[in-house]
């Protein structure tokens, strides 16, 4: 019983309790689904996007700044699309993530602020109006 609470985080999302008889059943199978993979893809995209943004300021040459600026725009789009994939996968797996997201004022407000700041960032990247330490 303690193994289910310790490792099986998917128990928060699914209301069924199962007995763990094999290692695969208890520790691998719960993570082997579309939702878990979509969250992993989303996490990788977000961290790659943040790395590209930070590397713009670390570059010494204008050529490398352009490369990372272009990558940051592509990775921000990939983050948005993979975020949508998380909502779709959650719905597919029976977890009403989208409904809970829409009904939370905090989540909706954060989404509006994030979307607005993304537009400001894209404009700053396009205009090359960023602070570069020398």
N, C-alpha and C. Protein backbone atom coordinates (compact mmCIF):
# COMPACT_ATOMS: atom_id res chain seq x y z
N UNK A 1 0.82 -1.20 0.00
CA UNK A 1 0.00 0.00 0.00
C UNK A 1 0.86 1.26 0.00
N UNK A 2 1.96 1.29 0.75
CA UNK A 2 2.78 2.48 0.80
C UNK A 2 3.46 2.76 -0.53
N UNK A 3 3.70 1.70 -1.34
CA UNK A 3 4.33 1.89 -2.64
C UNK A 3 3.44 2.69 -3.57
N UNK A 4 2.15 2.48 -3.49
CA UNK A 4 1.23 3.21 -4.36
C UNK A 4 1.27 4.69 -4.04
N UNK A 5 1.30 5.05 -2.77
CA UNK A 5 1.32 6.45 -2.40
C UNK A 5 2.67 7.10 -2.64
N UNK A 6 3.73 6.33 -2.58
CA UNK A 6 5.07 6.89 -2.72
C UNK A 6 5.44 7.16 -4.16
N UNK A 7 5.16 6.25 -5.04
CA UNK A 7 5.64 6.37 -6.41
C UNK A 7 4.54 6.68 -7.41
N UNK A 8 3.36 6.16 -7.22
CA UNK A 8 2.30 6.28 -8.22
C UNK A 8 1.61 7.63 -8.12
N UNK A 9 2.21 8.63 -8.72
CA UNK A 9 1.64 9.96 -8.73
C UNK A 9 0.37 9.99 -9.56
N UNK A 10 0.24 9.10 -10.50
CA UNK A 10 -0.98 9.08 -11.31
C UNK A 10 -2.20 8.74 -10.47
N UNK A 11 -2.01 8.29 -9.24
CA UNK A 11 -3.13 8.04 -8.35
C UNK A 11 -3.90 9.30 -8.02
N UNK A 12 -3.25 10.45 -8.15
CA UNK A 12 -3.96 11.71 -7.94
C UNK A 12 -4.97 11.94 -9.06
N UNK A 13 -4.67 11.43 -10.24
CA UNK A 13 -5.52 11.67 -11.39
C UNK A 13 -6.55 10.57 -11.60
N UNK A 14 -6.19 9.35 -11.26
CA UNK A 14 -7.13 8.25 -11.43
C UNK A 14 -7.69 7.86 -10.07
N UNK A 15 -8.95 7.53 -10.05
CA UNK A 15 -9.60 7.22 -8.79
C UNK A 15 -9.60 5.73 -8.47
N UNK A 16 -8.97 4.95 -9.30
CA UNK A 16 -8.94 3.51 -9.06
C UNK A 16 -7.68 3.13 -8.29
N UNK A 17 -7.81 2.20 -7.40
CA UNK A 17 -6.69 1.69 -6.63
C UNK A 17 -6.41 0.27 -7.10
N UNK A 18 -5.16 -0.04 -7.28
CA UNK A 18 -4.81 -1.38 -7.74
C UNK A 18 -3.73 -1.96 -6.84
N UNK A 19 -3.66 -3.26 -6.83
CA UNK A 19 -2.62 -3.95 -6.08
C UNK A 19 -1.38 -4.07 -6.94
N UNK A 20 -0.25 -3.77 -6.36
CA UNK A 20 1.02 -3.89 -7.08
C UNK A 20 1.56 -5.29 -6.85
N UNK A 21 1.66 -6.06 -7.92
CA UNK A 21 2.21 -7.41 -7.79
C UNK A 21 3.56 -7.54 -8.48
N UNK A 22 3.81 -6.73 -9.49
CA UNK A 22 5.08 -6.75 -10.19
C UNK A 22 5.66 -5.35 -10.26
N UNK A 23 6.96 -5.26 -10.40
CA UNK A 23 7.64 -3.97 -10.50
C UNK A 23 7.09 -3.15 -11.66
N UNK A 24 6.91 -3.77 -12.80
CA UNK A 24 6.42 -3.06 -13.99
C UNK A 24 5.03 -2.48 -13.75
N UNK A 25 4.17 -3.24 -13.10
CA UNK A 25 2.81 -2.77 -12.82
C UNK A 25 2.79 -1.53 -11.95
N UNK A 26 3.65 -1.49 -10.96
CA UNK A 26 3.61 -0.42 -9.99
C UNK A 26 4.45 0.78 -10.31
N UNK A 27 5.54 0.59 -11.06
CA UNK A 27 6.48 1.68 -11.22
C UNK A 27 6.72 2.12 -12.65
N UNK A 28 6.40 1.32 -13.63
CA UNK A 28 6.62 1.69 -15.03
C UNK A 28 5.30 1.92 -15.75
N UNK A 29 4.38 1.00 -15.62
CA UNK A 29 3.10 1.09 -16.34
C UNK A 29 2.32 2.38 -16.05
N UNK A 30 2.28 2.88 -14.81
CA UNK A 30 1.52 4.11 -14.58
C UNK A 30 2.08 5.32 -15.33
N UNK A 31 3.35 5.28 -15.64
CA UNK A 31 3.97 6.40 -16.35
C UNK A 31 3.98 6.20 -17.86
N UNK A 32 3.63 5.04 -18.33
CA UNK A 32 3.69 4.70 -19.75
C UNK A 32 2.35 5.05 -20.39
N UNK A 33 2.08 6.35 -20.54
CA UNK A 33 0.84 6.79 -21.17
C UNK A 33 1.08 8.10 -21.90
N UNK A 34 0.12 8.51 -22.66
CA UNK A 34 0.25 9.69 -23.51
C UNK A 34 0.43 10.95 -22.66
N UNK A 35 -0.28 11.05 -21.56
CA UNK A 35 -0.19 12.23 -20.71
C UNK A 35 1.21 12.42 -20.15
N UNK A 36 1.82 11.34 -19.65
CA UNK A 36 3.17 11.45 -19.10
C UNK A 36 4.18 11.86 -20.16
N UNK A 37 4.07 11.28 -21.34
CA UNK A 37 4.99 11.66 -22.42
C UNK A 37 4.77 13.10 -22.87
N UNK A 38 3.53 13.55 -22.91
CA UNK A 38 3.27 14.92 -23.34
C UNK A 38 3.80 15.93 -22.32
N UNK A 39 3.71 15.60 -21.03
CA UNK A 39 4.29 16.48 -20.01
C UNK A 39 5.81 16.50 -20.14
N UNK A 40 6.42 15.37 -20.45
CA UNK A 40 7.86 15.33 -20.66
C UNK A 40 8.29 16.15 -21.86
N UNK A 41 7.55 16.06 -22.95
CA UNK A 41 7.85 16.86 -24.15
C UNK A 41 7.70 18.34 -23.84
N UNK A 42 6.63 18.70 -23.13
CA UNK A 42 6.40 20.09 -22.75
C UNK A 42 7.54 20.63 -21.88
N UNK A 43 7.96 19.83 -20.92
CA UNK A 43 9.05 20.25 -20.03
C UNK A 43 10.34 20.46 -20.81
N UNK A 44 10.66 19.55 -21.71
CA UNK A 44 11.86 19.71 -22.54
C UNK A 44 11.79 20.96 -23.40
N UNK A 45 10.64 21.23 -23.98
CA UNK A 45 10.48 22.42 -24.82
C UNK A 45 10.63 23.71 -24.02
N UNK A 46 10.04 23.74 -22.83
CA UNK A 46 10.12 24.95 -22.00
C UNK A 46 11.56 25.21 -21.56
N UNK A 47 12.26 24.17 -21.13
CA UNK A 47 13.64 24.37 -20.69
C UNK A 47 14.57 24.71 -21.84
N UNK A 48 14.34 24.14 -23.01
CA UNK A 48 15.15 24.50 -24.18
C UNK A 48 14.88 25.95 -24.57
N UNK A 49 13.63 26.38 -24.48
CA UNK A 49 13.27 27.78 -24.76
C UNK A 49 13.96 28.72 -23.78
N UNK A 50 13.91 28.40 -22.51
CA UNK A 50 14.58 29.25 -21.53
C UNK A 50 16.09 29.29 -21.75
N UNK A 51 16.67 28.15 -22.09
CA UNK A 51 18.11 28.12 -22.36
C UNK A 51 18.46 28.99 -23.56
N UNK A 52 17.65 28.95 -24.61
CA UNK A 52 17.91 29.78 -25.79
C UNK A 52 17.82 31.27 -25.44
N UNK A 53 16.85 31.63 -24.62
CA UNK A 53 16.70 33.03 -24.21
C UNK A 53 17.92 33.49 -23.41
N UNK A 54 18.34 32.68 -22.45
CA UNK A 54 19.50 33.06 -21.64
C UNK A 54 20.79 33.08 -22.47
N UNK A 55 20.90 32.20 -23.44
CA UNK A 55 22.12 32.15 -24.25
C UNK A 55 22.23 33.34 -25.19
N UNK A 56 21.12 34.01 -25.49
CA UNK A 56 21.20 35.23 -26.30
C UNK A 56 22.08 36.26 -25.60
N UNK A 57 21.88 36.40 -24.31
CA UNK A 57 22.68 37.36 -23.54
C UNK A 57 24.11 36.94 -23.31
N UNK A 58 24.39 35.66 -23.40
CA UNK A 58 25.74 35.16 -23.17
C UNK A 58 26.62 35.18 -24.42
N UNK A 59 26.01 35.34 -25.58
CA UNK A 59 26.78 35.30 -26.83
C UNK A 59 27.62 36.56 -27.00
N UNK A 60 28.78 36.38 -27.55
CA UNK A 60 29.68 37.52 -27.80
C UNK A 60 29.59 38.03 -29.24
N UNK A 61 29.12 37.20 -30.15
CA UNK A 61 29.05 37.62 -31.55
C UNK A 61 27.59 37.83 -31.96
N UNK A 62 27.41 38.73 -32.89
CA UNK A 62 26.06 39.02 -33.39
C UNK A 62 25.48 37.82 -34.14
N UNK A 63 26.33 37.07 -34.82
CA UNK A 63 25.88 35.90 -35.56
C UNK A 63 25.24 34.86 -34.63
N UNK A 64 25.90 34.58 -33.50
CA UNK A 64 25.36 33.61 -32.55
C UNK A 64 24.09 34.14 -31.87
N UNK A 65 24.02 35.44 -31.65
CA UNK A 65 22.80 36.02 -31.08
C UNK A 65 21.61 35.80 -32.02
N UNK A 66 21.86 35.96 -33.31
CA UNK A 66 20.79 35.74 -34.28
C UNK A 66 20.34 34.28 -34.27
N UNK A 67 21.29 33.36 -34.16
CA UNK A 67 20.97 31.93 -34.13
C UNK A 67 20.08 31.62 -32.92
N UNK A 68 20.48 32.10 -31.75
CA UNK A 68 19.70 31.81 -30.55
C UNK A 68 18.38 32.57 -30.52
N UNK A 69 18.34 33.74 -31.13
CA UNK A 69 17.08 34.47 -31.23
C UNK A 69 16.08 33.69 -32.08
N UNK A 70 16.54 33.18 -33.20
CA UNK A 70 15.68 32.39 -34.07
C UNK A 70 15.23 31.11 -33.36
N UNK A 71 16.15 30.45 -32.67
CA UNK A 71 15.79 29.23 -31.95
C UNK A 71 14.79 29.51 -30.83
N UNK A 72 14.94 30.65 -30.16
CA UNK A 72 14.02 30.96 -29.06
C UNK A 72 12.60 31.17 -29.57
N UNK A 73 12.46 31.75 -30.74
CA UNK A 73 11.11 31.93 -31.31
C UNK A 73 10.52 30.57 -31.67
N UNK A 74 11.31 29.71 -32.31
CA UNK A 74 10.82 28.38 -32.67
C UNK A 74 10.48 27.56 -31.42
N UNK A 75 11.33 27.66 -30.41
CA UNK A 75 11.09 26.89 -29.20
C UNK A 75 9.90 27.42 -28.40
N UNK A 76 9.62 28.71 -28.49
CA UNK A 76 8.43 29.22 -27.81
C UNK A 76 7.16 28.69 -28.49
N UNK A 77 7.20 28.60 -29.81
CA UNK A 77 6.06 28.03 -30.54
C UNK A 77 5.93 26.53 -30.19
N UNK A 78 7.06 25.83 -30.11
CA UNK A 78 7.03 24.42 -29.73
C UNK A 78 6.49 24.24 -28.31
N UNK A 79 6.81 25.17 -27.42
CA UNK A 79 6.29 25.10 -26.04
C UNK A 79 4.78 25.28 -26.01
N UNK A 80 4.29 26.21 -26.82
CA UNK A 80 2.84 26.44 -26.89
C UNK A 80 2.14 25.20 -27.43
N UNK A 81 2.66 24.64 -28.51
CA UNK A 81 2.04 23.46 -29.11
C UNK A 81 2.11 22.24 -28.19
N UNK A 82 3.24 22.07 -27.52
CA UNK A 82 3.33 20.93 -26.60
C UNK A 82 2.46 21.15 -25.37
N UNK A 83 2.23 22.40 -24.98
CA UNK A 83 1.29 22.68 -23.90
C UNK A 83 -0.12 22.30 -24.29
N UNK A 84 -0.48 22.57 -25.52
CA UNK A 84 -1.79 22.13 -26.02
C UNK A 84 -1.88 20.61 -26.03
N UNK A 85 -0.78 19.97 -26.38
CA UNK A 85 -0.74 18.51 -26.38
C UNK A 85 -0.99 17.95 -24.97
N UNK A 86 -0.49 18.64 -23.95
CA UNK A 86 -0.73 18.20 -22.57
C UNK A 86 -2.23 18.22 -22.26
N UNK A 87 -2.92 19.29 -22.66
CA UNK A 87 -4.36 19.37 -22.42
C UNK A 87 -5.12 18.29 -23.19
N UNK A 88 -4.73 18.05 -24.42
CA UNK A 88 -5.38 17.02 -25.23
C UNK A 88 -5.14 15.63 -24.63
N UNK A 89 -3.89 15.37 -24.21
CA UNK A 89 -3.57 14.07 -23.63
C UNK A 89 -4.28 13.87 -22.30
N UNK A 90 -4.41 14.92 -21.52
CA UNK A 90 -5.13 14.80 -20.24
C UNK A 90 -6.59 14.45 -20.48
N UNK A 91 -7.20 15.10 -21.46
CA UNK A 91 -8.59 14.79 -21.79
C UNK A 91 -8.71 13.36 -22.29
N UNK A 92 -7.76 12.94 -23.10
CA UNK A 92 -7.76 11.57 -23.63
C UNK A 92 -7.65 10.53 -22.51
N UNK A 93 -6.86 10.85 -21.49
CA UNK A 93 -6.69 9.93 -20.36
C UNK A 93 -7.76 10.07 -19.29
N UNK A 94 -8.74 10.92 -19.52
CA UNK A 94 -9.86 11.02 -18.58
C UNK A 94 -9.67 12.03 -17.47
N UNK A 95 -8.65 12.87 -17.55
CA UNK A 95 -8.43 13.89 -16.54
C UNK A 95 -8.90 15.24 -17.09
N UNK A 96 -9.87 15.89 -16.47
CA UNK A 96 -10.43 17.14 -17.02
C UNK A 96 -9.55 18.35 -16.72
N UNK A 97 -8.33 18.34 -17.20
CA UNK A 97 -7.38 19.43 -16.93
C UNK A 97 -7.85 20.75 -17.53
N UNK A 98 -8.37 20.71 -18.74
CA UNK A 98 -8.82 21.94 -19.39
C UNK A 98 -9.97 22.58 -18.63
N UNK A 99 -10.91 21.78 -18.18
CA UNK A 99 -12.05 22.30 -17.42
C UNK A 99 -11.59 22.92 -16.12
N UNK A 100 -10.68 22.27 -15.43
CA UNK A 100 -10.15 22.82 -14.19
C UNK A 100 -9.34 24.09 -14.44
N UNK A 101 -8.63 24.13 -15.55
CA UNK A 101 -7.83 25.31 -15.90
C UNK A 101 -8.73 26.51 -16.17
N UNK A 102 -9.76 26.32 -16.96
CA UNK A 102 -10.66 27.40 -17.34
C UNK A 102 -11.45 27.93 -16.14
N UNK A 103 -11.78 27.08 -15.19
CA UNK A 103 -12.59 27.52 -14.05
C UNK A 103 -11.76 28.21 -12.97
N UNK A 104 -10.44 28.18 -13.08
CA UNK A 104 -9.58 28.84 -12.10
C UNK A 104 -9.22 30.24 -12.58
N UNK A 105 -9.57 31.25 -11.80
CA UNK A 105 -9.25 32.63 -12.17
C UNK A 105 -7.74 32.86 -12.19
N UNK A 106 -7.04 32.24 -11.27
CA UNK A 106 -5.59 32.37 -11.23
C UNK A 106 -4.94 31.82 -12.48
N UNK A 107 -5.38 30.65 -12.93
CA UNK A 107 -4.82 30.03 -14.14
C UNK A 107 -5.11 30.86 -15.38
N UNK A 108 -6.33 31.35 -15.49
CA UNK A 108 -6.69 32.17 -16.65
C UNK A 108 -5.89 33.47 -16.64
N UNK A 109 -5.75 34.08 -15.48
CA UNK A 109 -4.95 35.30 -15.38
C UNK A 109 -3.49 35.07 -15.74
N UNK A 110 -2.93 33.97 -15.26
CA UNK A 110 -1.53 33.65 -15.59
C UNK A 110 -1.37 33.39 -17.08
N UNK A 111 -2.35 32.73 -17.69
CA UNK A 111 -2.28 32.47 -19.14
C UNK A 111 -2.34 33.77 -19.92
N UNK A 112 -3.17 34.70 -19.49
CA UNK A 112 -3.25 36.01 -20.18
C UNK A 112 -1.94 36.76 -20.04
N UNK A 113 -1.38 36.79 -18.83
CA UNK A 113 -0.09 37.47 -18.63
C UNK A 113 1.03 36.82 -19.43
N UNK A 114 1.05 35.50 -19.46
CA UNK A 114 2.09 34.78 -20.20
C UNK A 114 1.97 35.05 -21.70
N UNK A 115 0.75 35.06 -22.20
CA UNK A 115 0.55 35.32 -23.63
C UNK A 115 0.95 36.74 -23.98
N UNK A 116 0.59 37.69 -23.13
CA UNK A 116 0.98 39.08 -23.38
C UNK A 116 2.47 39.29 -23.30
N UNK A 117 3.12 38.66 -22.34
CA UNK A 117 4.57 38.82 -22.23
C UNK A 117 5.30 38.13 -23.37
N UNK A 118 4.70 37.08 -23.91
CA UNK A 118 5.31 36.41 -25.05
C UNK A 118 5.32 37.33 -26.27
N UNK A 119 4.23 38.05 -26.46
CA UNK A 119 4.18 39.02 -27.56
C UNK A 119 5.21 40.12 -27.40
N UNK A 120 5.37 40.61 -26.18
CA UNK A 120 6.38 41.64 -25.91
C UNK A 120 7.77 41.09 -26.16
N UNK A 121 8.02 39.87 -25.74
CA UNK A 121 9.34 39.27 -25.95
C UNK A 121 9.63 39.07 -27.42
N UNK A 122 8.65 38.58 -28.19
CA UNK A 122 8.87 38.41 -29.63
C UNK A 122 9.17 39.75 -30.29
N UNK A 123 8.47 40.80 -29.88
CA UNK A 123 8.73 42.12 -30.45
C UNK A 123 10.15 42.58 -30.11
N UNK A 124 10.55 42.38 -28.86
CA UNK A 124 11.90 42.78 -28.45
C UNK A 124 12.97 41.97 -29.19
N UNK A 125 12.71 40.70 -29.41
CA UNK A 125 13.67 39.89 -30.16
C UNK A 125 13.76 40.34 -31.61
N UNK A 126 12.62 40.67 -32.21
CA UNK A 126 12.61 41.10 -33.60
C UNK A 126 13.31 42.45 -33.77
N UNK A 127 13.10 43.34 -32.81
CA UNK A 127 13.71 44.67 -32.90
C UNK A 127 15.14 44.70 -32.37
N UNK A 128 15.59 43.57 -31.83
CA UNK A 128 16.92 43.47 -31.24
C UNK A 128 17.09 44.47 -30.09
N UNK A 129 16.05 44.64 -29.31
CA UNK A 129 16.07 45.58 -28.19
C UNK A 129 16.25 44.81 -26.88
N UNK A 130 17.35 44.16 -26.77
CA UNK A 130 17.66 43.39 -25.57
C UNK A 130 18.93 43.94 -24.94
N UNK A 131 19.08 43.68 -23.66
CA UNK A 131 20.27 44.12 -22.95
C UNK A 131 21.36 43.06 -23.11
N UNK A 132 22.49 43.48 -23.67
CA UNK A 132 23.62 42.58 -23.84
C UNK A 132 24.77 43.05 -22.95
N UNK A 133 25.14 42.29 -21.94
CA UNK A 133 26.26 42.71 -21.11
C UNK A 133 27.58 42.61 -21.89
N UNK A 134 28.40 43.59 -21.74
CA UNK A 134 29.70 43.58 -22.44
C UNK A 134 30.85 43.36 -21.51
